[in-house]
Amino acid sequence: MRVVLDTNVVASALLWGGTPERLIEFAGEGGLECFTSEALVAEFAGILGRPKFAQKLRQKNLSAAQIVARYREIAETVEAAPIEEAALRDPDDAAVLACALTARADAIVSGDADLHALGN
């Protein structure tokens, strides 16, 4: 199965664990094909710089760069073509959709209500 993990899922997986972490582990074992784009990696790196993530990074004794590198090991980076943002409730979701379309993903895994509202 080909999937794109939204940034919120990646952060949860690599910092908090639980079900999202099992997805990352499954991808690392070859059970899922996980895709990302430079835009999504940049968004992920950007959120890791927020103060609310600093304590979690310290607890894990990892830097933001190490967490991003770990994600790059798991997810294949595609060169996503931009898509029209006008029809989206949240224009920030365009990067996720562009990545999914380029990667021909079977699913997007996200906790984002705006992405859920799009349906299939």
N, C-alpha and C. Protein backbone atom coordinates (compact mmCIF):
# COMPACT_ATOMS: atom_id res chain seq x y z
N MET A 1 0.85 -1.18 0.00
CA MET A 1 0.00 0.00 0.00
C MET A 1 0.89 1.24 0.00
N ARG A 2 0.53 2.20 -0.79
CA ARG A 2 1.28 3.45 -0.92
C ARG A 2 0.56 4.53 -0.11
N VAL A 3 1.28 5.16 0.83
CA VAL A 3 0.65 6.14 1.71
C VAL A 3 1.48 7.42 1.81
N VAL A 4 0.79 8.50 2.10
CA VAL A 4 1.41 9.76 2.47
C VAL A 4 0.94 10.04 3.89
N LEU A 5 1.89 10.27 4.78
CA LEU A 5 1.58 10.61 6.16
C LEU A 5 1.61 12.12 6.30
N ASP A 6 0.52 12.67 6.81
CA ASP A 6 0.47 14.11 7.06
C ASP A 6 1.48 14.43 8.17
N THR A 7 1.91 15.66 8.20
CA THR A 7 2.92 16.10 9.16
C THR A 7 2.52 15.81 10.60
N ASN A 8 1.24 15.97 10.93
CA ASN A 8 0.80 15.71 12.31
C ASN A 8 1.00 14.25 12.69
N VAL A 9 0.83 13.34 11.76
CA VAL A 9 1.02 11.91 12.01
C VAL A 9 2.50 11.59 12.17
N VAL A 10 3.33 12.19 11.33
CA VAL A 10 4.77 11.95 11.41
C VAL A 10 5.31 12.44 12.75
N ALA A 11 4.89 13.64 13.16
CA ALA A 11 5.35 14.19 14.45
C ALA A 11 4.90 13.29 15.59
N SER A 12 3.66 12.87 15.56
CA SER A 12 3.15 11.99 16.61
C SER A 12 3.92 10.67 16.64
N ALA A 13 4.16 10.10 15.48
CA ALA A 13 4.87 8.82 15.39
C ALA A 13 6.29 8.90 15.93
N LEU A 14 7.01 9.91 15.49
CA LEU A 14 8.44 9.97 15.83
C LEU A 14 8.72 10.59 17.19
N LEU A 15 7.73 11.27 17.76
CA LEU A 15 7.96 11.90 19.07
C LEU A 15 7.15 11.25 20.19
N TRP A 16 5.95 10.77 19.89
CA TRP A 16 5.10 10.24 20.96
C TRP A 16 4.87 8.74 20.89
N GLY A 17 4.91 8.17 19.71
CA GLY A 17 4.73 6.72 19.60
C GLY A 17 3.30 6.33 19.32
N GLY A 18 2.87 5.23 19.89
CA GLY A 18 1.51 4.74 19.71
C GLY A 18 1.24 4.21 18.31
N THR A 19 -0.01 4.29 17.90
CA THR A 19 -0.41 3.78 16.60
C THR A 19 0.35 4.43 15.45
N PRO A 20 0.54 5.76 15.45
CA PRO A 20 1.33 6.35 14.37
C PRO A 20 2.75 5.77 14.27
N GLU A 21 3.34 5.48 15.42
CA GLU A 21 4.68 4.90 15.40
C GLU A 21 4.67 3.51 14.76
N ARG A 22 3.60 2.77 14.99
CA ARG A 22 3.51 1.45 14.37
C ARG A 22 3.44 1.56 12.84
N LEU A 23 2.80 2.61 12.34
CA LEU A 23 2.80 2.85 10.89
C LEU A 23 4.21 3.08 10.36
N ILE A 24 4.96 3.91 11.09
CA ILE A 24 6.34 4.20 10.69
C ILE A 24 7.18 2.93 10.73
N GLU A 25 7.00 2.13 11.79
CA GLU A 25 7.75 0.87 11.90
C GLU A 25 7.39 -0.07 10.75
N PHE A 26 6.11 -0.15 10.44
CA PHE A 26 5.65 -1.01 9.35
C PHE A 26 6.25 -0.56 8.03
N ALA A 27 6.31 0.75 7.82
CA ALA A 27 6.93 1.28 6.60
C ALA A 27 8.42 0.94 6.58
N GLY A 28 9.08 1.08 7.72
CA GLY A 28 10.50 0.75 7.80
C GLY A 28 10.79 -0.71 7.53
N GLU A 29 9.82 -1.57 7.82
CA GLU A 29 9.96 -3.02 7.58
C GLU A 29 9.56 -3.39 6.15
N GLY A 30 9.10 -2.41 5.37
CA GLY A 30 8.69 -2.67 3.99
C GLY A 30 7.22 -3.02 3.84
N GLY A 31 6.45 -2.94 4.91
CA GLY A 31 5.03 -3.27 4.84
C GLY A 31 4.18 -2.20 4.19
N LEU A 32 4.67 -0.98 4.16
CA LEU A 32 4.01 0.15 3.51
C LEU A 32 5.04 0.89 2.68
N GLU A 33 4.59 1.46 1.59
CA GLU A 33 5.44 2.39 0.86
C GLU A 33 5.01 3.78 1.29
N CYS A 34 5.90 4.48 1.95
CA CYS A 34 5.59 5.79 2.50
C CYS A 34 6.26 6.87 1.64
N PHE A 35 5.51 7.91 1.31
CA PHE A 35 6.01 8.97 0.44
C PHE A 35 5.90 10.33 1.12
N THR A 36 6.83 11.20 0.76
CA THR A 36 6.81 12.58 1.22
C THR A 36 7.32 13.45 0.09
N SER A 37 7.35 14.75 0.34
CA SER A 37 7.89 15.71 -0.63
C SER A 37 8.76 16.69 0.13
N GLU A 38 9.53 17.47 -0.59
CA GLU A 38 10.38 18.47 0.07
C GLU A 38 9.52 19.47 0.85
N ALA A 39 8.35 19.80 0.32
CA ALA A 39 7.47 20.73 1.02
C ALA A 39 7.01 20.15 2.35
N LEU A 40 6.68 18.86 2.37
CA LEU A 40 6.24 18.22 3.61
C LEU A 40 7.39 18.05 4.60
N VAL A 41 8.57 17.74 4.09
CA VAL A 41 9.74 17.63 4.97
C VAL A 41 10.06 18.99 5.58
N ALA A 42 9.97 20.05 4.78
CA ALA A 42 10.22 21.40 5.29
C ALA A 42 9.19 21.78 6.34
N GLU A 43 7.93 21.43 6.10
CA GLU A 43 6.89 21.70 7.10
C GLU A 43 7.18 20.95 8.40
N PHE A 44 7.58 19.70 8.29
CA PHE A 44 7.90 18.89 9.46
C PHE A 44 9.08 19.49 10.23
N ALA A 45 10.13 19.84 9.51
CA ALA A 45 11.29 20.47 10.16
C ALA A 45 10.89 21.77 10.84
N GLY A 46 10.00 22.52 10.21
CA GLY A 46 9.55 23.79 10.78
C GLY A 46 8.79 23.62 12.08
N ILE A 47 7.91 22.62 12.13
CA ILE A 47 7.15 22.44 13.37
C ILE A 47 8.04 21.92 14.50
N LEU A 48 9.07 21.16 14.14
CA LEU A 48 9.97 20.66 15.19
C LEU A 48 10.73 21.79 15.87
N GLY A 49 10.81 22.95 15.23
CA GLY A 49 11.47 24.11 15.82
C GLY A 49 10.59 24.87 16.80
N ARG A 50 9.34 24.50 16.90
CA ARG A 50 8.42 25.19 17.82
C ARG A 50 8.75 24.83 19.27
N PRO A 51 8.57 25.81 20.16
CA PRO A 51 8.88 25.56 21.58
C PRO A 51 8.16 24.35 22.18
N LYS A 52 6.95 24.07 21.75
CA LYS A 52 6.21 22.96 22.35
C LYS A 52 6.84 21.60 22.06
N PHE A 53 7.71 21.53 21.05
CA PHE A 53 8.38 20.27 20.74
C PHE A 53 9.75 20.16 21.39
N ALA A 54 10.27 21.25 21.90
CA ALA A 54 11.63 21.26 22.46
C ALA A 54 11.79 20.26 23.60
N GLN A 55 10.83 20.21 24.52
CA GLN A 55 10.94 19.29 25.65
C GLN A 55 10.92 17.84 25.19
N LYS A 56 10.07 17.52 24.23
CA LYS A 56 9.99 16.15 23.74
C LYS A 56 11.29 15.74 23.06
N LEU A 57 11.89 16.65 22.30
CA LEU A 57 13.18 16.36 21.66
C LEU A 57 14.26 16.11 22.72
N ARG A 58 14.24 16.93 23.78
CA ARG A 58 15.22 16.74 24.86
C ARG A 58 15.02 15.38 25.53
N GLN A 59 13.77 15.01 25.77
CA GLN A 59 13.47 13.72 26.41
C GLN A 59 13.99 12.56 25.57
N LYS A 60 13.89 12.70 24.28
CA LYS A 60 14.35 11.65 23.38
C LYS A 60 15.85 11.75 23.09
N ASN A 61 16.46 12.83 23.58
CA ASN A 61 17.89 13.08 23.37
C ASN A 61 18.22 13.09 21.87
N LEU A 62 17.35 13.75 21.11
CA LEU A 62 17.52 13.86 19.67
C LEU A 62 17.33 15.31 19.24
N SER A 63 17.98 15.66 18.15
CA SER A 63 17.78 16.99 17.57
C SER A 63 16.68 16.91 16.51
N ALA A 64 16.19 18.05 16.15
CA ALA A 64 15.20 18.11 15.08
C ALA A 64 15.78 17.53 13.79
N ALA A 65 17.04 17.83 13.52
CA ALA A 65 17.70 17.33 12.31
C ALA A 65 17.76 15.79 12.31
N GLN A 66 17.98 15.19 13.46
CA GLN A 66 18.03 13.73 13.55
C GLN A 66 16.65 13.11 13.30
N ILE A 67 15.62 13.76 13.82
CA ILE A 67 14.26 13.27 13.62
C ILE A 67 13.88 13.37 12.14
N VAL A 68 14.23 14.49 11.52
CA VAL A 68 13.94 14.67 10.09
C VAL A 68 14.71 13.64 9.27
N ALA A 69 15.96 13.40 9.61
CA ALA A 69 16.77 12.40 8.90
C ALA A 69 16.14 11.01 9.02
N ARG A 70 15.63 10.69 10.19
CA ARG A 70 14.96 9.40 10.40
C ARG A 70 13.75 9.28 9.47
N TYR A 71 12.98 10.34 9.37
CA TYR A 71 11.83 10.30 8.48
C TYR A 71 12.25 10.15 7.03
N ARG A 72 13.31 10.83 6.64
CA ARG A 72 13.80 10.71 5.25
C ARG A 72 14.25 9.29 4.93
N GLU A 73 14.70 8.55 5.95
CA GLU A 73 15.11 7.15 5.74
C GLU A 73 13.90 6.27 5.44
N ILE A 74 12.77 6.62 6.01
CA ILE A 74 11.57 5.80 5.90
C ILE A 74 10.75 6.14 4.66
N ALA A 75 10.62 7.42 4.38
CA ALA A 75 9.73 7.87 3.30
C ALA A 75 10.53 8.21 2.04
N GLU A 76 10.01 7.79 0.92
CA GLU A 76 10.60 8.14 -0.37
C GLU A 76 10.12 9.54 -0.74
N THR A 77 11.04 10.40 -1.12
CA THR A 77 10.70 11.77 -1.48
C THR A 77 10.38 11.85 -2.97
N VAL A 78 9.22 12.41 -3.27
CA VAL A 78 8.81 12.62 -4.66
C VAL A 78 8.82 14.11 -4.95
N GLU A 79 8.97 14.43 -6.22
CA GLU A 79 8.92 15.83 -6.64
C GLU A 79 7.47 16.15 -7.01
N ALA A 80 6.75 16.66 -6.05
CA ALA A 80 5.32 16.90 -6.23
C ALA A 80 5.05 18.18 -7.01
N ALA A 81 4.23 18.05 -8.02
CA ALA A 81 3.81 19.22 -8.79
C ALA A 81 2.76 19.98 -7.99
N PRO A 82 2.81 21.31 -8.00
CA PRO A 82 1.81 22.08 -7.24
C PRO A 82 0.40 21.85 -7.76
N ILE A 83 -0.55 21.97 -6.86
CA ILE A 83 -1.96 21.85 -7.26
C ILE A 83 -2.70 23.13 -6.86
N GLU A 84 -3.86 23.31 -7.43
CA GLU A 84 -4.70 24.47 -7.16
C GLU A 84 -5.20 24.43 -5.72
N GLU A 85 -4.98 25.50 -4.99
CA GLU A 85 -5.37 25.57 -3.58
C GLU A 85 -6.75 26.16 -3.37
N ALA A 86 -7.31 26.80 -4.37
CA ALA A 86 -8.55 27.56 -4.21
C ALA A 86 -9.72 26.71 -3.70
N ALA A 87 -9.79 25.46 -4.09
CA ALA A 87 -10.93 24.62 -3.72
C ALA A 87 -10.78 23.99 -2.34
N LEU A 88 -9.67 24.20 -1.68
CA LEU A 88 -9.42 23.57 -0.38
C LEU A 88 -9.85 24.46 0.77
N ARG A 89 -10.40 23.84 1.81
CA ARG A 89 -10.75 24.60 3.02
C ARG A 89 -9.49 25.15 3.68
N ASP A 90 -8.41 24.39 3.64
CA ASP A 90 -7.13 24.82 4.20
C ASP A 90 -6.08 24.72 3.11
N PRO A 91 -5.62 25.84 2.57
CA PRO A 91 -4.63 25.81 1.49
C PRO A 91 -3.33 25.10 1.86
N ASP A 92 -3.03 25.00 3.15
CA ASP A 92 -1.82 24.27 3.57
C ASP A 92 -1.90 22.79 3.23
N ASP A 93 -3.10 22.28 3.01
CA ASP A 93 -3.27 20.87 2.67
C ASP A 93 -2.86 20.56 1.23
N ALA A 94 -2.63 21.57 0.44
CA ALA A 94 -2.26 21.36 -0.97
C ALA A 94 -0.98 20.54 -1.09
N ALA A 95 -0.03 20.75 -0.20
CA ALA A 95 1.24 20.00 -0.27
C ALA A 95 1.01 18.51 -0.03
N VAL A 96 0.12 18.19 0.88
CA VAL A 96 -0.18 16.78 1.17
C VAL A 96 -0.86 16.15 -0.05
N LEU A 97 -1.84 16.84 -0.60
CA LEU A 97 -2.56 16.31 -1.76
C LEU A 97 -1.64 16.20 -2.98
N ALA A 98 -0.80 17.19 -3.18
CA ALA A 98 0.13 17.14 -4.32
C ALA A 98 1.07 15.95 -4.20
N CYS A 99 1.56 15.71 -3.01
CA CYS A 99 2.44 14.56 -2.78
C CYS A 99 1.69 13.26 -3.05
N ALA A 100 0.48 13.15 -2.53
CA ALA A 100 -0.31 11.93 -2.72
C ALA A 100 -0.61 11.67 -4.20
N LEU A 101 -0.95 12.72 -4.92
CA LEU A 101 -1.23 12.56 -6.35
C LEU A 101 0.02 12.14 -7.12
N THR A 102 1.14 12.79 -6.83
CA THR A 102 2.39 12.47 -7.52
C THR A 102 2.83 11.04 -7.22
N ALA A 103 2.70 10.64 -5.95
CA ALA A 103 3.13 9.30 -5.53
C ALA A 103 2.12 8.22 -5.90
N ARG A 104 0.96 8.63 -6.42
CA ARG A 104 -0.13 7.69 -6.70
C ARG A 104 -0.45 6.88 -5.44
N ALA A 105 -0.59 7.63 -4.34
CA ALA A 105 -0.84 7.01 -3.04
C ALA A 105 -2.24 6.40 -2.99
N ASP A 106 -2.34 5.32 -2.25
CA ASP A 106 -3.64 4.70 -2.00
C ASP A 106 -4.38 5.41 -0.88
N ALA A 107 -3.62 6.05 0.01
CA ALA A 107 -4.24 6.70 1.16
C ALA A 107 -3.37 7.82 1.70
N ILE A 108 -4.03 8.77 2.34
CA ILE A 108 -3.38 9.81 3.12
C ILE A 108 -3.76 9.51 4.56
N VAL A 109 -2.77 9.45 5.44
CA VAL A 109 -3.03 9.22 6.85
C VAL A 109 -2.87 10.56 7.56
N SER A 110 -3.96 11.03 8.16
CA SER A 110 -3.94 12.36 8.76
C SER A 110 -4.96 12.45 9.88
N GLY A 111 -4.69 13.34 10.81
CA GLY A 111 -5.66 13.68 11.83
C GLY A 111 -6.32 15.01 11.52
N ASP A 112 -6.08 15.56 10.36
CA ASP A 112 -6.55 16.87 9.95
C ASP A 112 -8.00 16.82 9.47
N ALA A 113 -8.87 17.51 10.16
CA ALA A 113 -10.30 17.50 9.82
C ALA A 113 -10.55 18.02 8.42
N ASP A 114 -9.77 18.99 7.96
CA ASP A 114 -9.97 19.54 6.62
C ASP A 114 -9.65 18.49 5.55
N LEU A 115 -8.64 17.67 5.77
CA LEU A 115 -8.34 16.60 4.83
C LEU A 115 -9.41 15.52 4.90
N HIS A 116 -9.88 15.20 6.09
CA HIS A 116 -10.94 14.20 6.24
C HIS A 116 -12.20 14.64 5.51
N ALA A 117 -12.46 15.93 5.52
CA ALA A 117 -13.68 16.45 4.88
C ALA A 117 -13.67 16.24 3.36
N LEU A 118 -12.49 16.03 2.78
CA LEU A 118 -12.41 15.82 1.33
C LEU A 118 -12.95 14.46 0.93
N GLY A 119 -12.95 13.50 1.85
CA GLY A 119 -13.44 12.16 1.52
C GLY A 119 -12.44 11.40 0.68
N ASN A 120 -12.95 10.52 -0.16
CA ASN A 120 -12.07 9.70 -1.02
C ASN A 120 -11.71 10.43 -2.28
